[in-house]
């Protein structure tokens, strides 16, 4: 069931991204973006499956308590008394309105339709933030930070997804970059600040949390921000310079690479968000992450903390990380395929992760 929940959360985030990105691009004048084909069917599928994916964590709780209370009683209790169930009720209601809006929308009312759709989608993100781990620990800071975090990332990813995979040309690309760079920077800042608040709510001791699965996921997610910022810089500045000097340069593959890295971050978030956050007296021998055990197989208990040392392995992986970063930059210069560029990005993250793990010691 855990795998089903993780997959559902990835798809839920994709639905939010497709909806937010599509609605925003419909609001942007056609001379300020490339020509994109946003099919009504794509929006309809995203809207109608959104409450289904959002229901999977609710179903997980129902299945957990059903053996004691019975199926129908469990459904009733979860949907009427649990915050995750109450939040899903609003998700279902909001999604139904959004589906209805998509069905009745007319081609000559795109701007009104897009504006209302964007408001509804943001409202649906709020219902997900309401049912989050952070919201259950700290209803005010947790819900607000999760809402801002998911909204900013979904908007950023959504624009990249739609432009990267639905654009039929790269006309008006410089005009597109002039406003998207500002939006992406704003999303990056909002994501960073809200991420810090979320970490403060959910994690007691950032580095010590690496010993459990939630902390491992958080570390890997943050490491993927390095290639993300790299490609964001390329798409925001280097591509603009290249297009100014070479009108035949195709920028779309690099947008796709950036969107793939963001999708990986989505997947990592979906995986570790289903783990219990390291809050309170969480560290026991059984709670230690199997991945962390590969590097540190000694005694770990509630008094254990993480320190850092520099050794030969750390230096080797540091040098390897620098070389891989150079190859990642070279792949752009040589116009390599997006698979090659994406592979180098993953190798950079893997090398830095090994460097960090080799540098840690349990005290």
Protein backbone atom coordinates (compact mmCIF):
# COMPACT_ATOMS: atom_id res chain seq x y z
CA UNK A 1 0.00 0.00 0.00
CA UNK A 2 2.91 2.34 0.73
CA UNK A 3 4.06 2.14 -2.90
CA UNK A 4 0.54 2.91 -4.12
CA UNK A 5 0.40 5.95 -1.83
CA UNK A 6 3.79 7.18 -3.07
CA UNK A 7 2.81 6.81 -6.75
CA UNK A 8 -0.51 8.56 -6.09
CA UNK A 9 1.26 11.53 -4.52
CA UNK A 10 3.63 11.89 -7.49
CA UNK A 11 0.65 11.86 -9.86
CA UNK A 12 -1.22 14.30 -7.62
CA UNK A 13 1.67 16.77 -7.82
CA UNK A 14 1.78 16.31 -11.61
CA UNK A 15 -1.94 17.10 -11.82
CA UNK A 16 -1.46 20.32 -9.86
CA UNK A 17 1.48 21.28 -12.06
CA UNK A 18 -0.34 20.63 -15.33
CA UNK A 19 -3.38 22.61 -14.19
CA UNK A 20 -1.49 25.58 -12.75
CA UNK A 21 0.97 25.77 -15.64
CA UNK A 22 -1.76 25.51 -18.27
CA UNK A 23 -4.02 28.11 -16.66
CA UNK A 24 -1.17 30.61 -16.24
CA UNK A 25 0.00 30.19 -19.85
CA UNK A 26 -3.57 30.73 -21.07
CA UNK A 27 -3.54 34.07 -19.23
CA UNK A 28 -0.28 35.13 -20.92
CA UNK A 29 -0.70 36.89 -24.30
CA UNK A 30 0.38 34.72 -27.24
CA UNK A 31 3.13 37.17 -28.23
CA UNK A 32 4.85 36.61 -24.88
CA UNK A 33 5.19 32.83 -25.10
CA UNK A 34 5.83 30.09 -27.65
CA UNK A 35 2.83 28.49 -29.28
CA UNK A 36 1.59 25.68 -27.04
CA UNK A 37 -1.22 23.21 -27.56
CA UNK A 38 -3.16 22.88 -24.31
CA UNK A 39 -5.77 20.23 -24.90
CA UNK A 40 -9.01 20.36 -22.97
CA UNK A 41 -8.75 16.60 -22.51
CA UNK A 42 -5.46 16.99 -20.64
CA UNK A 43 -7.01 19.48 -18.22
CA UNK A 44 -10.10 17.31 -17.79
CA UNK A 45 -8.07 14.18 -16.96
CA UNK A 46 -5.91 16.13 -14.49
CA UNK A 47 -8.96 17.59 -12.74
CA UNK A 48 -10.98 14.38 -12.58
CA UNK A 49 -8.11 12.20 -11.33
CA UNK A 50 -6.92 14.75 -8.77
CA UNK A 51 -9.43 13.73 -6.03
CA UNK A 52 -8.73 10.06 -6.78
CA UNK A 53 -5.01 10.47 -6.15
CA UNK A 54 -5.72 12.65 -3.10
CA UNK A 55 -7.97 9.91 -1.69
CA UNK A 56 -5.28 7.20 -1.63
CA UNK A 57 -3.69 8.39 1.69
CA UNK A 58 -7.22 8.58 3.14
CA UNK A 59 -7.87 5.03 1.96
CA UNK A 60 -4.61 3.94 3.56
CA UNK A 61 -5.91 5.11 6.96
CA UNK A 62 -9.29 3.46 6.35
CA UNK A 63 -7.63 0.14 5.53
CA UNK A 64 -5.51 0.46 8.67
CA UNK A 65 -8.44 0.84 11.08
CA UNK A 66 -11.04 -1.23 9.20
CA UNK A 67 -10.11 -4.57 10.85
CA UNK A 68 -11.07 -3.10 14.26
CA UNK A 69 -14.10 -0.97 13.35
CA UNK A 70 -15.40 -2.40 10.09
CA UNK A 71 -15.17 -0.88 6.61
CA UNK A 72 -18.24 1.38 6.56
CA UNK A 73 -17.70 2.65 10.10
CA UNK A 74 -14.05 3.36 9.29
CA UNK A 75 -15.02 5.34 6.17
CA UNK A 76 -17.53 7.35 8.19
CA UNK A 77 -15.10 8.11 11.01
CA UNK A 78 -12.18 9.05 8.73
CA UNK A 79 -14.25 11.32 6.45
CA UNK A 80 -16.06 13.09 9.30
CA UNK A 81 -13.59 13.28 12.18
CA UNK A 82 -10.03 12.98 10.77
CA UNK A 83 -8.48 16.16 9.37
CA UNK A 84 -7.21 14.23 6.34
CA UNK A 85 -10.78 13.07 5.66
CA UNK A 86 -12.32 16.52 6.14
CA UNK A 87 -9.72 18.02 3.85
CA UNK A 88 -10.46 15.41 1.19
CA UNK A 89 -14.17 16.28 1.30
CA UNK A 90 -13.25 19.81 0.25
CA UNK A 91 -10.83 18.42 -2.36
CA UNK A 92 -13.65 16.39 -3.89
CA UNK A 93 -16.04 19.36 -3.87
CA UNK A 94 -13.49 21.74 -5.40
CA UNK A 95 -12.46 19.20 -8.03
CA UNK A 96 -16.09 18.69 -9.05
CA UNK A 97 -16.45 22.44 -9.63
CA UNK A 98 -13.19 22.50 -11.59
CA UNK A 99 -14.29 19.58 -13.80
CA UNK A 100 -17.60 21.34 -14.45
CA UNK A 101 -15.75 24.57 -15.34
CA UNK A 102 -13.51 22.71 -17.82
CA UNK A 103 -16.50 20.99 -19.44
CA UNK A 104 -18.51 24.19 -19.99
CA UNK A 105 -15.55 26.41 -20.96
CA UNK A 106 -15.77 28.03 -24.38
CA UNK A 107 -12.85 28.85 -26.64
CA UNK A 108 -13.74 32.58 -26.68
CA UNK A 109 -13.64 32.79 -22.87
CA UNK A 110 -10.13 31.48 -22.29
CA UNK A 111 -8.95 34.24 -19.96
CA UNK A 112 -11.95 34.07 -17.63
CA UNK A 113 -11.80 30.27 -17.67
CA UNK A 114 -8.05 30.28 -16.93
CA UNK A 115 -8.40 32.79 -14.09
CA UNK A 116 -11.20 30.83 -12.38
CA UNK A 117 -9.37 27.56 -12.97
CA UNK A 118 -6.21 28.92 -11.38
CA UNK A 119 -8.12 30.14 -8.30
CA UNK A 120 -9.79 26.74 -7.90
CA UNK A 121 -6.50 24.88 -8.31
CA UNK A 122 -4.81 27.02 -5.67
CA UNK A 123 -7.76 26.33 -3.38
CA UNK A 124 -7.32 22.59 -3.96
CA UNK A 125 -3.64 22.86 -3.03
CA UNK A 126 -4.76 24.45 0.24
CA UNK A 127 -6.88 21.37 1.03
CA UNK A 128 -3.82 19.16 0.52
CA UNK A 129 -1.74 21.40 2.81
CA UNK A 130 -4.49 21.10 5.42
CA UNK A 131 -4.11 17.31 5.49
CA UNK A 132 -0.29 17.29 5.50
CA UNK A 133 2.07 16.08 8.24
CA UNK A 134 3.19 19.66 8.82
CA UNK A 135 -0.42 20.78 9.24
CA UNK A 136 -1.06 18.11 11.87
CA UNK A 137 2.04 19.12 13.87
CA UNK A 138 1.59 22.91 13.61
CA UNK A 139 -1.80 23.92 12.10
CA UNK A 140 -0.77 27.51 11.35
CA UNK A 141 2.88 27.47 10.28
CA UNK A 142 2.66 23.93 8.91
CA UNK A 143 -0.34 24.52 6.65
CA UNK A 144 0.85 27.91 5.38
CA UNK A 145 4.40 26.74 4.65
CA UNK A 146 3.20 23.54 2.96
CA UNK A 147 0.68 25.52 0.90
CA UNK A 148 3.26 28.08 -0.26
CA UNK A 149 5.82 25.33 -0.94
CA UNK A 150 3.50 23.17 -3.06
CA UNK A 151 1.98 26.14 -4.90
CA UNK A 152 5.36 27.63 -5.84
CA UNK A 153 6.83 24.31 -6.99
CA UNK A 154 3.68 23.33 -8.92
CA UNK A 155 3.63 26.67 -10.72
CA UNK A 156 7.31 26.46 -11.64
CA UNK A 157 7.09 22.83 -12.73
CA UNK A 158 3.79 23.36 -14.51
CA UNK A 159 5.07 26.10 -16.78
CA UNK A 160 8.16 24.03 -17.64
CA UNK A 161 6.08 20.89 -18.27
CA UNK A 162 3.60 22.61 -20.57
CA UNK A 163 6.16 24.68 -22.47
CA UNK A 164 8.74 21.89 -22.63
CA UNK A 165 6.41 19.13 -23.80
CA UNK A 166 3.45 20.92 -25.43
CA UNK A 167 5.17 23.75 -27.36
CA UNK A 168 5.18 23.29 -31.13
CA UNK A 169 7.83 25.97 -31.73
CA UNK A 170 10.12 28.32 -29.81
CA UNK A 171 8.80 31.59 -31.22
CA UNK A 172 8.81 34.56 -28.81
CA UNK A 173 11.21 32.66 -26.56
CA UNK A 174 13.12 35.74 -25.41
CA UNK A 175 9.81 37.45 -24.57
CA UNK A 176 8.80 34.29 -22.69
CA UNK A 177 12.06 34.26 -20.72
CA UNK A 178 11.68 37.93 -19.78
CA UNK A 179 8.69 37.15 -17.54
CA UNK A 180 9.25 33.47 -16.78
CA UNK A 181 12.72 34.14 -15.30
CA UNK A 182 11.11 36.45 -12.76
CA UNK A 183 8.35 33.92 -12.00
CA UNK A 184 10.90 31.11 -11.61
CA UNK A 185 13.07 33.23 -9.31
CA UNK A 186 10.03 34.13 -7.21
CA UNK A 187 9.05 30.45 -7.03
CA UNK A 188 12.60 29.50 -6.04
CA UNK A 189 12.63 32.06 -3.21
CA UNK A 190 9.14 31.05 -2.04
CA UNK A 191 10.09 27.37 -2.19
CA UNK A 192 13.30 27.98 -0.24
CA UNK A 193 11.71 30.06 2.52
CA UNK A 194 8.70 27.78 2.91
CA UNK A 195 11.02 24.77 2.82
CA UNK A 196 12.99 26.20 5.74
CA UNK A 197 9.76 26.66 7.70
CA UNK A 198 8.63 23.13 6.85
CA UNK A 199 11.99 21.73 7.93
CA UNK A 200 11.74 23.65 11.19
CA UNK A 201 8.24 22.25 11.81
CA UNK A 202 8.93 18.65 10.81
CA UNK A 203 12.60 18.04 11.64
CA UNK A 204 14.41 18.39 14.94
CA UNK A 205 18.09 18.60 13.97
CA UNK A 206 18.55 18.59 10.19
CA UNK A 207 21.78 16.58 10.00
CA UNK A 208 20.79 14.17 12.79
CA UNK A 209 17.62 13.42 10.82
CA UNK A 210 19.78 11.86 8.09
CA UNK A 211 19.87 8.72 10.22
CA UNK A 212 16.18 8.00 9.41
CA UNK A 213 14.45 7.57 6.05
CA UNK A 214 12.67 10.94 6.16
CA UNK A 215 15.97 12.78 6.66
CA UNK A 216 17.63 10.77 3.89
CA UNK A 217 14.87 11.77 1.48
CA UNK A 218 15.18 15.40 2.53
CA UNK A 219 18.94 15.35 1.94
CA UNK A 220 18.64 13.77 -1.53
CA UNK A 221 15.88 16.20 -2.46
CA UNK A 222 18.03 19.16 -1.46
CA UNK A 223 21.02 17.81 -3.39
CA UNK A 224 18.90 17.72 -6.56
CA UNK A 225 18.43 21.46 -6.16
CA UNK A 226 22.05 21.89 -7.34
CA UNK A 227 21.49 20.68 -10.95
CA UNK A 228 18.08 22.35 -10.87
CA UNK A 229 19.63 25.76 -10.17
CA UNK A 230 22.29 25.03 -12.81
CA UNK A 231 19.71 24.44 -15.55
CA UNK A 232 17.54 27.28 -14.28
CA UNK A 233 20.57 29.55 -14.78
CA UNK A 234 21.14 28.12 -18.26
CA UNK A 235 17.50 28.55 -19.29
CA UNK A 236 17.25 32.00 -17.76
CA UNK A 237 20.50 33.58 -18.96
CA UNK A 238 22.70 31.44 -21.25
CA UNK A 239 19.83 30.42 -23.55
CA UNK A 240 18.73 34.05 -23.85
CA UNK A 241 22.27 35.02 -24.88
CA UNK A 242 22.51 32.17 -27.41
CA UNK A 243 19.15 33.05 -28.99
CA UNK A 244 20.24 36.67 -29.33
CA UNK A 245 23.21 35.49 -31.42
CA UNK A 246 21.73 32.41 -33.08
CA UNK A 247 18.03 32.37 -33.97
CA UNK A 248 18.23 28.69 -34.93
CA UNK A 249 19.23 27.58 -31.42
CA UNK A 250 16.53 25.30 -29.97
CA UNK A 251 16.02 25.96 -26.22
CA UNK A 252 13.24 23.41 -25.66
CA UNK A 253 15.48 20.41 -24.78
CA UNK A 254 17.00 22.31 -21.85
CA UNK A 255 13.58 23.20 -20.51
CA UNK A 256 12.78 19.49 -20.67
CA UNK A 257 15.91 18.61 -18.69
CA UNK A 258 14.93 21.11 -16.00
CA UNK A 259 11.40 19.69 -15.91
CA UNK A 260 12.79 16.13 -15.56
CA UNK A 261 14.91 17.15 -12.58
CA UNK A 262 11.87 18.78 -10.98
CA UNK A 263 9.90 15.60 -11.63
CA UNK A 264 12.60 13.61 -9.78
CA UNK A 265 12.26 16.04 -6.87
CA UNK A 266 8.50 15.40 -6.97
CA UNK A 267 9.11 11.65 -6.75
CA UNK A 268 11.55 11.99 -3.87
CA UNK A 269 9.10 14.26 -2.04
CA UNK A 270 6.29 11.74 -2.54
CA UNK A 271 8.46 8.90 -1.21
CA UNK A 272 9.83 10.52 1.93
CA UNK A 273 6.63 12.44 2.75
CA UNK A 274 5.01 9.07 3.51
CA UNK A 275 7.65 8.40 6.16
CA UNK A 276 7.12 9.53 9.74
CA UNK A 277 8.84 12.91 10.17
CA UNK A 278 11.68 12.91 12.72
CA UNK A 279 9.81 14.81 15.40
CA UNK A 280 10.02 14.08 19.11
CA UNK A 281 11.80 10.99 20.48
CA UNK A 282 12.06 9.33 17.07
CA UNK A 283 15.51 7.76 16.94
CA UNK A 284 15.63 4.07 17.78
CA UNK A 285 17.74 1.27 16.35
CA UNK A 286 14.80 0.00 14.29
CA UNK A 287 14.05 3.50 12.92
CA UNK A 288 17.49 3.95 11.34
CA UNK A 289 17.34 4.17 7.54
CA UNK A 290 18.61 1.08 5.66
CA UNK A 291 20.47 3.44 3.31
CA UNK A 292 22.23 5.11 6.24
CA UNK A 293 23.12 1.66 7.58
CA UNK A 294 25.12 1.00 4.39
CA UNK A 295 27.56 3.69 5.52
CA UNK A 296 27.31 3.40 9.31
CA UNK A 297 26.55 -0.02 10.73
CA UNK A 298 27.53 0.66 14.34
CA UNK A 299 25.37 1.18 17.40
CA UNK A 300 22.83 4.00 16.95
CA UNK A 301 20.40 5.06 19.67
CA UNK A 302 18.43 8.09 20.85
CA UNK A 303 21.60 9.83 22.08
CA UNK A 304 23.43 9.51 18.73
CA UNK A 305 24.32 12.62 16.75
CA UNK A 306 26.09 13.25 13.44
CA UNK A 307 29.47 14.91 13.10
CA UNK A 308 31.75 15.47 10.12
CA UNK A 309 35.32 14.56 9.21
CA UNK A 310 37.44 14.96 6.07
CA UNK A 311 39.06 11.77 4.84
CA UNK A 312 40.48 10.34 1.61
CA UNK A 313 37.09 9.06 0.42
CA UNK A 314 35.57 12.50 0.93
CA UNK A 315 38.31 14.15 -1.13
CA UNK A 316 37.96 11.57 -3.94
CA UNK A 317 34.20 12.08 -4.23
CA UNK A 318 34.68 15.87 -4.04
CA UNK A 319 37.05 15.76 -7.04
CA UNK A 320 34.69 13.40 -8.87
CA UNK A 321 31.77 15.78 -8.23
CA UNK A 322 33.73 18.68 -9.73
CA UNK A 323 34.57 16.60 -12.82
CA UNK A 324 30.95 15.54 -13.26
CA UNK A 325 29.80 19.14 -12.95
CA UNK A 326 32.22 19.99 -15.74
CA UNK A 327 30.78 17.20 -17.89
CA UNK A 328 27.27 18.45 -17.13
CA UNK A 329 28.25 21.91 -18.38
CA UNK A 330 30.04 20.36 -21.38
CA UNK A 331 26.89 18.45 -22.33
CA UNK A 332 25.12 21.79 -22.79
CA UNK A 333 27.99 23.26 -24.78
CA UNK A 334 28.10 20.20 -27.06
CA UNK A 335 24.28 20.13 -27.38
CA UNK A 336 24.11 16.57 -26.05
CA UNK A 337 20.78 14.76 -25.78
CA UNK A 338 18.58 15.47 -22.78
CA UNK A 339 19.12 11.89 -21.56
CA UNK A 340 22.88 12.42 -21.39
CA UNK A 341 22.48 15.76 -19.59
CA UNK A 342 19.96 14.30 -17.18
CA UNK A 343 22.26 11.33 -16.51
CA UNK A 344 25.17 13.64 -15.66
CA UNK A 345 22.89 15.57 -13.30
CA UNK A 346 21.98 12.36 -11.48
CA UNK A 347 25.64 11.34 -11.30
CA UNK A 348 26.57 14.73 -9.80
CA UNK A 349 23.93 14.30 -7.09
CA UNK A 350 25.04 10.71 -6.44
CA UNK A 351 28.69 11.73 -6.12
CA UNK A 352 27.93 14.61 -3.73
CA UNK A 353 25.67 12.32 -1.71
CA UNK A 354 28.48 9.77 -1.31
CA UNK A 355 30.85 12.57 -0.37
CA UNK A 356 28.48 13.77 2.36
CA UNK A 357 27.83 10.25 3.66
CA UNK A 358 31.57 9.47 3.75
CA UNK A 359 32.16 12.66 5.68
CA UNK A 360 29.59 11.85 8.39
CA UNK A 361 30.41 10.11 11.64
CA UNK A 362 27.97 8.94 14.29
CA UNK A 363 28.87 10.29 17.72
